[in-house]
Protein backbone atom coordinates (compact mmCIF):
# COMPACT_ATOMS: atom_id res chain seq x y z
CA MET A 1 -119.43 55.30 -100.88
CA LYS A 2 -120.72 51.78 -101.38
CA LYS A 3 -120.98 52.43 -105.10
CA GLY A 4 -117.45 53.79 -105.16
CA PHE A 5 -116.20 50.77 -103.20
CA ILE A 6 -117.78 48.42 -105.71
CA SER A 7 -116.18 50.32 -108.59
CA MET A 8 -112.75 50.14 -107.01
CA THR A 9 -113.25 46.43 -106.32
CA VAL A 10 -114.06 45.81 -109.99
CA ILE A 11 -111.00 47.78 -111.11
CA TYR A 12 -108.73 45.87 -108.69
CA SER A 13 -110.22 42.56 -109.89
CA PHE A 14 -109.54 43.39 -113.54
CA LEU A 15 -106.05 44.55 -112.60
CA LEU A 16 -105.33 41.26 -110.77
CA ILE A 17 -106.69 39.25 -113.70
CA PHE A 18 -104.45 41.22 -116.08
CA ILE A 19 -101.40 40.64 -113.85
CA PHE A 20 -102.08 36.89 -113.51
CA THR A 21 -102.68 36.61 -117.28
CA LEU A 22 -99.39 38.40 -117.94
CA LEU A 23 -97.55 36.09 -115.52
CA ALA A 24 -99.14 33.02 -117.15
CA LEU A 25 -98.07 34.18 -120.59
CA LEU A 26 -94.56 34.83 -119.33
CA VAL A 27 -94.35 31.36 -117.79
CA LEU A 28 -95.72 29.80 -120.96
CA TYR A 29 -93.18 31.69 -123.12
CA THR A 30 -90.33 30.61 -120.85
CA GLN A 31 -91.39 26.97 -120.97
CA LYS A 32 -91.81 27.14 -124.73
CA SER A 33 -88.36 28.70 -125.09
CA ARG A 34 -86.88 25.98 -122.92
CA LEU A 35 -88.74 23.34 -124.97
CA VAL A 36 -87.38 24.78 -128.22
CA ASP A 37 -83.87 24.91 -126.76
CA SER A 38 -84.27 21.29 -125.65
CA ILE A 39 -85.47 20.18 -129.08
CA VAL A 40 -82.63 22.00 -130.82
CA TYR A 41 -80.11 20.55 -128.38
CA GLU A 42 -81.46 17.04 -128.86
CA ALA A 43 -81.43 17.50 -132.63
CA LYS A 44 -77.82 18.65 -132.50
CA GLU A 45 -76.95 15.70 -130.30
CA GLU A 46 -78.63 13.35 -132.77
CA ILE A 47 -76.63 14.84 -135.64
CA TYR A 48 -73.40 14.58 -133.68
CA ASN A 49 -74.18 10.97 -132.79
CA ARG A 50 -74.88 10.12 -136.40
CA GLU A 51 -71.63 11.75 -137.45
CA ASP A 52 -69.84 9.66 -134.86
CA GLU A 53 -71.64 6.52 -136.04
CA TYR A 54 -70.45 6.73 -139.64
CA ASP A 55 -66.91 7.31 -140.78
CA LEU A 56 -66.29 9.96 -143.37
CA ALA A 57 -65.39 8.79 -146.86
CA LEU A 58 -61.79 7.69 -147.21
CA LYS A 59 -59.87 7.75 -150.47
CA PHE A 60 -56.81 5.60 -150.99
CA GLU A 61 -54.39 6.83 -153.65
CA TYR A 62 -51.69 4.85 -155.40
CA THR A 63 -48.59 4.42 -153.23
CA GLY A 64 -46.89 1.31 -154.61
CA SER A 65 -47.63 -0.55 -151.38
CA TYR A 66 -50.60 -1.86 -149.43
CA GLN A 67 -52.67 0.33 -147.11
CA THR A 68 -55.03 -0.66 -144.31
CA TYR A 69 -58.39 0.30 -142.89
CA THR A 70 -59.78 -0.97 -139.58
CA ALA A 71 -63.53 -0.68 -139.00
CA GLN A 72 -64.34 1.46 -135.97
CA LYS A 73 -67.94 0.35 -135.78
CA GLU A 74 -70.03 -2.62 -136.84
CA GLY A 75 -72.13 -2.09 -139.95
CA TYR A 76 -72.24 -1.92 -143.73
CA TYR A 77 -69.48 -0.13 -145.60
CA PHE A 78 -69.60 0.96 -149.22
CA ILE A 79 -66.42 0.31 -151.20
CA GLU A 80 -65.47 1.44 -154.70
CA THR A 81 -62.38 0.20 -156.53
CA LYS A 82 -60.88 1.25 -159.87
CA GLY A 83 -58.21 -0.67 -161.74
CA ALA A 84 -55.26 1.18 -163.24
CA GLN A 85 -54.93 2.19 -166.86
CA GLY A 86 -52.80 0.23 -169.22
CA GLY A 87 -49.74 1.97 -170.59
CA GLY A 88 -49.97 4.07 -173.74
CA ASN A 89 -49.94 7.61 -175.02
CA ILE A 90 -52.89 9.88 -174.35
CA SER A 91 -54.83 8.71 -177.41
CA ASP A 92 -54.49 4.97 -176.91
CA ALA A 93 -54.29 4.30 -173.16
CA SER A 94 -56.83 1.69 -172.09
CA LYS A 95 -59.06 2.10 -169.05
CA GLY A 96 -59.12 0.13 -165.84
CA GLY A 97 -62.19 -1.71 -164.59
CA PHE A 98 -64.57 -0.63 -161.82
CA ALA A 99 -66.03 -2.68 -158.98
CA SER A 100 -68.11 -1.56 -156.00
CA GLY A 101 -70.44 -2.89 -153.33
CA TYR A 102 -71.47 -2.95 -149.68
CA ILE A 103 -69.72 -5.17 -147.20
CA TYR A 104 -70.64 -5.90 -143.59
CA LEU A 105 -67.75 -5.37 -141.19
CA ASN A 106 -67.47 -6.06 -137.50
CA GLU A 107 -65.70 -3.59 -135.26
CA GLY A 108 -61.98 -4.30 -135.52
CA ASP A 109 -62.11 -5.97 -138.94
CA THR A 110 -59.13 -4.90 -141.05
CA LEU A 111 -59.14 -4.54 -144.81
CA TYR A 112 -55.93 -4.40 -146.82
CA VAL A 113 -56.11 -2.07 -149.81
CA TYR A 114 -53.89 -2.57 -152.87
CA VAL A 115 -54.22 0.30 -155.36
CA GLY A 116 -52.86 -0.66 -158.79
CA GLY A 117 -50.33 1.41 -160.71
CA LYS A 118 -50.57 2.50 -164.35
CA GLY A 119 -48.58 0.52 -166.89
CA GLY A 120 -45.29 1.96 -168.03
CA SER A 121 -45.73 4.45 -170.89
CA THR A 122 -42.27 5.70 -171.87
CA SER A 123 -41.15 5.96 -175.50
CA SER A 124 -39.13 2.81 -175.17
CA SER A 125 -39.13 -0.67 -176.65
CA SER A 126 -39.95 -2.12 -173.24
CA ASN A 127 -42.00 -0.93 -170.28
CA ALA A 128 -42.74 -2.42 -166.89
CA GLY A 129 -46.23 -3.37 -165.82
CA GLY A 130 -48.06 -1.33 -163.20
CA TRP A 131 -47.74 -2.33 -159.55
CA ASN A 132 -50.03 -5.11 -158.34
CA GLY A 133 -49.74 -7.50 -161.22
CA GLY A 134 -49.60 -5.49 -164.44
CA GLY A 135 -47.63 -7.36 -167.11
CA PRO A 136 -44.40 -6.15 -168.71
CA SER A 137 -44.50 -5.37 -172.40
CA GLY A 138 -42.67 -7.04 -175.25
CA THR A 139 -39.16 -5.84 -176.02
CA ASN A 140 -38.93 -5.70 -179.81
CA THR A 141 -37.47 -2.37 -180.94
CA ALA A 142 -39.91 -2.04 -183.84
CA ALA A 143 -42.42 -0.44 -181.45
CA TYR A 144 -42.87 1.40 -178.21
CA ASN A 145 -44.40 -1.37 -176.14
CA TYR A 146 -46.37 -0.36 -173.06
CA GLY A 147 -46.96 -2.17 -169.77
CA GLY A 148 -50.27 -3.49 -168.48
CA GLY A 149 -52.15 -1.76 -165.66
CA GLY A 150 -52.19 -3.10 -162.11
CA ALA A 151 -55.40 -4.29 -160.46
CA THR A 152 -56.90 -2.59 -157.42
CA ASP A 153 -58.12 -5.05 -154.81
CA ILE A 154 -59.35 -5.43 -151.23
CA ARG A 155 -57.97 -8.27 -149.13
CA TYR A 156 -59.44 -9.75 -145.96
CA PHE A 157 -57.40 -12.20 -143.90
CA GLY A 158 -60.05 -12.83 -141.24
CA SER A 159 -58.67 -13.79 -137.83
CA THR A 160 -55.27 -14.60 -139.36
CA THR A 161 -52.55 -12.01 -138.78
CA PRO A 162 -50.68 -11.84 -142.09
CA SER A 163 -46.89 -11.92 -142.06
CA SER A 164 -44.81 -9.41 -144.01
CA SER A 165 -44.40 -11.98 -146.78
CA ASP A 166 -48.17 -12.58 -146.83
CA LEU A 167 -48.63 -8.87 -147.49
CA ALA A 168 -46.52 -8.88 -150.66
CA TRP A 169 -48.76 -8.12 -153.63
CA ASN A 170 -48.08 -11.53 -155.22
CA SER A 171 -48.16 -13.76 -152.13
CA GLU A 172 -50.27 -16.90 -152.43
CA LEU A 173 -52.34 -16.17 -149.33
CA GLY A 174 -52.70 -12.51 -150.23
CA LEU A 175 -54.07 -13.18 -153.71
CA ASN A 176 -56.40 -15.86 -152.34
CA SER A 177 -57.70 -13.39 -149.73
CA ARG A 178 -59.08 -10.89 -152.24
CA ILE A 179 -62.78 -10.17 -151.75
CA MET A 180 -63.04 -7.38 -154.34
CA VAL A 181 -60.98 -6.77 -157.48
CA ALA A 182 -61.09 -4.15 -160.23
CA GLY A 183 -59.10 -5.30 -163.26
CA GLY A 184 -56.35 -3.26 -164.88
CA GLY A 185 -56.27 -2.27 -168.54
CA GLY A 186 -53.97 -3.91 -171.08
CA GLY A 187 -50.91 -2.09 -172.40
CA GLY A 188 -50.92 -0.71 -175.93
CA LEU A 189 -48.16 -0.22 -178.49
CA THR A 190 -47.01 2.51 -180.85
CA HIS A 191 -45.10 1.35 -183.92
CA THR A 192 -42.00 3.41 -184.58
CA THR A 193 -42.52 3.74 -188.35
CA THR A 194 -46.01 2.60 -189.34
CA ALA A 195 -48.93 4.25 -187.54
CA GLU A 196 -51.53 1.73 -188.72
CA TYR A 197 -49.80 -0.92 -186.63
CA ASN A 198 -50.59 0.99 -183.43
CA CYS A 199 -52.83 -0.89 -180.98
CA THR A 200 -54.68 -0.15 -177.75
CA GLY A 201 -54.82 -2.62 -174.90
CA GLY A 202 -58.13 -4.07 -173.72
CA ASN A 203 -60.23 -2.10 -171.26
CA GLY A 204 -60.66 -3.44 -167.77
CA GLY A 205 -63.91 -5.33 -167.77
CA ASN A 206 -66.66 -6.21 -165.37
CA LEU A 207 -66.49 -9.95 -164.77
CA TYR A 208 -64.41 -10.44 -167.92
CA GLY A 209 -61.47 -8.35 -169.05
CA GLY A 210 -61.64 -6.76 -172.47
CA PRO A 211 -59.56 -8.14 -175.36
CA SER A 212 -56.86 -6.10 -177.06
CA MET A 213 -58.02 -3.74 -179.75
CA LEU A 214 -57.14 -4.67 -183.33
CA SER A 215 -55.47 -2.03 -185.45
CA ASP A 216 -56.38 -1.55 -189.12
CA TYR A 217 -53.37 -3.68 -190.01
CA ASN A 218 -54.39 -6.43 -187.57
CA GLN A 219 -57.95 -6.48 -188.89
CA ALA A 220 -56.72 -6.87 -192.45
CA SER A 221 -54.10 -9.51 -191.74
CA LEU A 222 -55.27 -11.44 -188.68
CA SER A 223 -58.45 -13.16 -187.64
CA ALA A 224 -60.42 -11.85 -184.66
CA THR A 225 -59.29 -14.87 -182.64
CA ALA A 226 -55.70 -13.65 -182.83
CA VAL A 227 -56.27 -10.96 -180.20
CA ALA A 228 -54.90 -11.13 -176.67
CA SER A 229 -57.97 -11.98 -174.61
CA GLY A 230 -58.88 -10.70 -171.16
CA GLY A 231 -59.06 -12.63 -167.92
CA THR A 232 -62.25 -14.48 -166.93
CA GLN A 233 -63.65 -15.81 -163.65
CA THR A 234 -61.76 -19.09 -163.97
CA ALA A 235 -58.71 -18.49 -166.19
CA GLY A 236 -56.21 -15.97 -167.45
CA GLY A 237 -56.39 -14.43 -170.91
CA THR A 238 -54.63 -16.17 -173.79
CA ASP A 239 -52.69 -15.04 -176.84
CA GLY A 240 -54.72 -16.07 -179.86
CA SER A 241 -51.80 -15.99 -182.27
CA THR A 242 -49.95 -19.09 -183.41
CA ALA A 243 -46.58 -17.53 -182.67
CA ALA A 244 -44.07 -19.45 -180.61
CA GLY A 245 -44.08 -18.84 -176.89
CA ALA A 246 -47.82 -18.20 -176.61
CA SER A 247 -47.94 -20.00 -173.26
CA THR A 248 -45.58 -17.42 -171.74
CA ARG A 249 -48.09 -14.70 -172.60
CA THR A 250 -51.05 -16.31 -170.79
CA GLY A 251 -52.57 -14.42 -167.85
CA LEU A 252 -52.37 -15.81 -164.32
CA PHE A 253 -54.50 -15.89 -161.18
CA GLY A 254 -53.97 -12.45 -159.67
CA SER A 255 -51.73 -11.00 -162.39
CA ALA A 256 -50.76 -10.85 -166.03
CA SER A 257 -47.76 -12.85 -167.18
CA GLN A 258 -44.66 -11.43 -165.53
CA THR A 259 -42.39 -12.65 -168.36
CA ALA A 260 -41.20 -10.05 -170.88
CA THR A 261 -41.25 -11.51 -174.38
CA GLY A 262 -39.02 -10.64 -177.31
CA SER A 263 -41.94 -9.74 -179.58
CA TRP A 264 -43.59 -6.37 -179.89
CA GLY A 265 -46.82 -6.05 -177.96
CA GLY A 266 -48.45 -4.59 -174.86
CA GLY A 267 -48.42 -6.19 -171.42
CA GLY A 268 -51.56 -7.77 -170.01
CA GLY A 269 -53.66 -6.04 -167.35
CA SER A 270 -53.81 -7.54 -163.87
CA GLY A 271 -57.07 -8.66 -162.29
CA TYR A 272 -58.87 -11.49 -160.56
CA TYR A 273 -57.33 -13.31 -163.50
CA GLY A 274 -54.88 -11.36 -165.65
CA GLY A 275 -55.13 -10.61 -169.35
CA ALA A 276 -52.71 -11.98 -171.93
CA THR A 277 -49.60 -10.23 -173.24
CA GLY A 278 -50.14 -9.13 -176.83
CA PHE A 279 -48.14 -10.45 -179.78
CA GLY A 280 -48.01 -7.65 -182.35
CA ARG A 281 -50.95 -5.99 -180.60
CA GLY A 282 -52.05 -4.63 -177.23
CA GLY A 283 -52.47 -6.74 -174.11
CA GLY A 284 -55.74 -8.11 -172.77
CA ALA A 285 -57.30 -6.64 -169.61
CA GLY A 286 -57.79 -8.24 -166.23
CA SER A 287 -61.14 -9.46 -164.93
CA SER A 288 -62.95 -8.09 -161.86
CA PHE A 289 -64.51 -9.84 -158.87
CA ILE A 290 -66.93 -8.95 -156.08
CA SER A 291 -67.65 -11.52 -153.39
CA GLY A 292 -71.36 -12.35 -153.47
CA TYR A 293 -72.01 -10.82 -156.88
CA ILE A 294 -73.97 -12.96 -159.32
CA GLY A 295 -71.71 -14.31 -162.04
CA CYS A 296 -68.54 -14.33 -159.95
CA ASN A 297 -66.77 -17.60 -159.24
CA ALA A 298 -64.92 -17.73 -155.92
CA ILE A 299 -62.01 -20.06 -155.19
CA THR A 300 -62.46 -22.96 -152.80
CA SER A 301 -60.24 -22.02 -149.86
CA SER A 302 -57.15 -20.15 -148.72
CA THR A 303 -55.02 -23.00 -150.06
CA ASP A 304 -57.12 -24.23 -152.99
CA ARG A 305 -57.73 -22.07 -156.06
CA THR A 306 -60.11 -24.53 -157.67
CA PRO A 307 -63.24 -22.61 -158.73
CA SER A 308 -65.97 -23.35 -156.19
CA ASN A 309 -68.80 -22.44 -158.57
CA THR A 310 -70.22 -20.25 -155.82
CA VAL A 311 -70.25 -16.46 -155.69
CA LYS A 312 -69.08 -15.89 -152.10
CA HIS A 313 -65.47 -15.73 -151.01
CA TYR A 314 -64.45 -18.56 -148.68
CA SER A 315 -64.11 -16.07 -145.78
CA GLY A 316 -67.87 -15.45 -145.89
CA LYS A 317 -67.39 -11.72 -146.45
CA TYR A 318 -69.60 -10.26 -149.13
């Protein structure tokens, strides 16, 4: 009996050990499962928080008016801008410029977005420039003259609340408030009878707008200095020809010349400074600008367009 009692005691002991081991494993599995659930939950929360922290990419299309964006959170924002094409047919339409960069925004900062329009491209002796400063073409009936492309720019007014007149594309304060600009392409031309006279406008540049392209006829009969030049960091493009009225074809701060000339030629592209209207050739392209970028030349203040010889916009945004 004593031997049998000992045997039963051993069996019960092993049985109790097995039960406790099973319970311990069950508890461990439950805790592990809860830990995994907790980790997954926290990971999901982290993802959700990060999604909340950063705004999704926004794309502003051409509307013919300004658009706005107000920063929801403090931080760096990446901005890309593309200037509009100059007018022309499919084979000779110039390209707009490209400008991009990061900018630090405080919560509540508002940016005003002006997306440029393509230069007029109808089969007509005269075409309007694209919205936001593109220059009108010449009007001579010997050619289809195309308009210059509008610039795309970002404006920051700081603590000032702009009036409706300040928000016009060509307002003095508005143009002075630009912290990023992508220049528009120059308008081209298609001669009505002689194809070798056809010209393409200059392509929107980086810091300097591209000059008009010389046709085979231009290259044979005109010097290279006779092109319509693009805008720079301190001045508008100029018409290199000796034809009368050259001053009316010079680019301006924030636009190409807005005066339609009686010659045949493409309109200048808009930009930080606009390109020149072409005389017997395409228009020059507008220049681009990025506050803080090496090589840029910011203006002095909201009321003084004198080049400051510094790279940062007077608002301090860059």
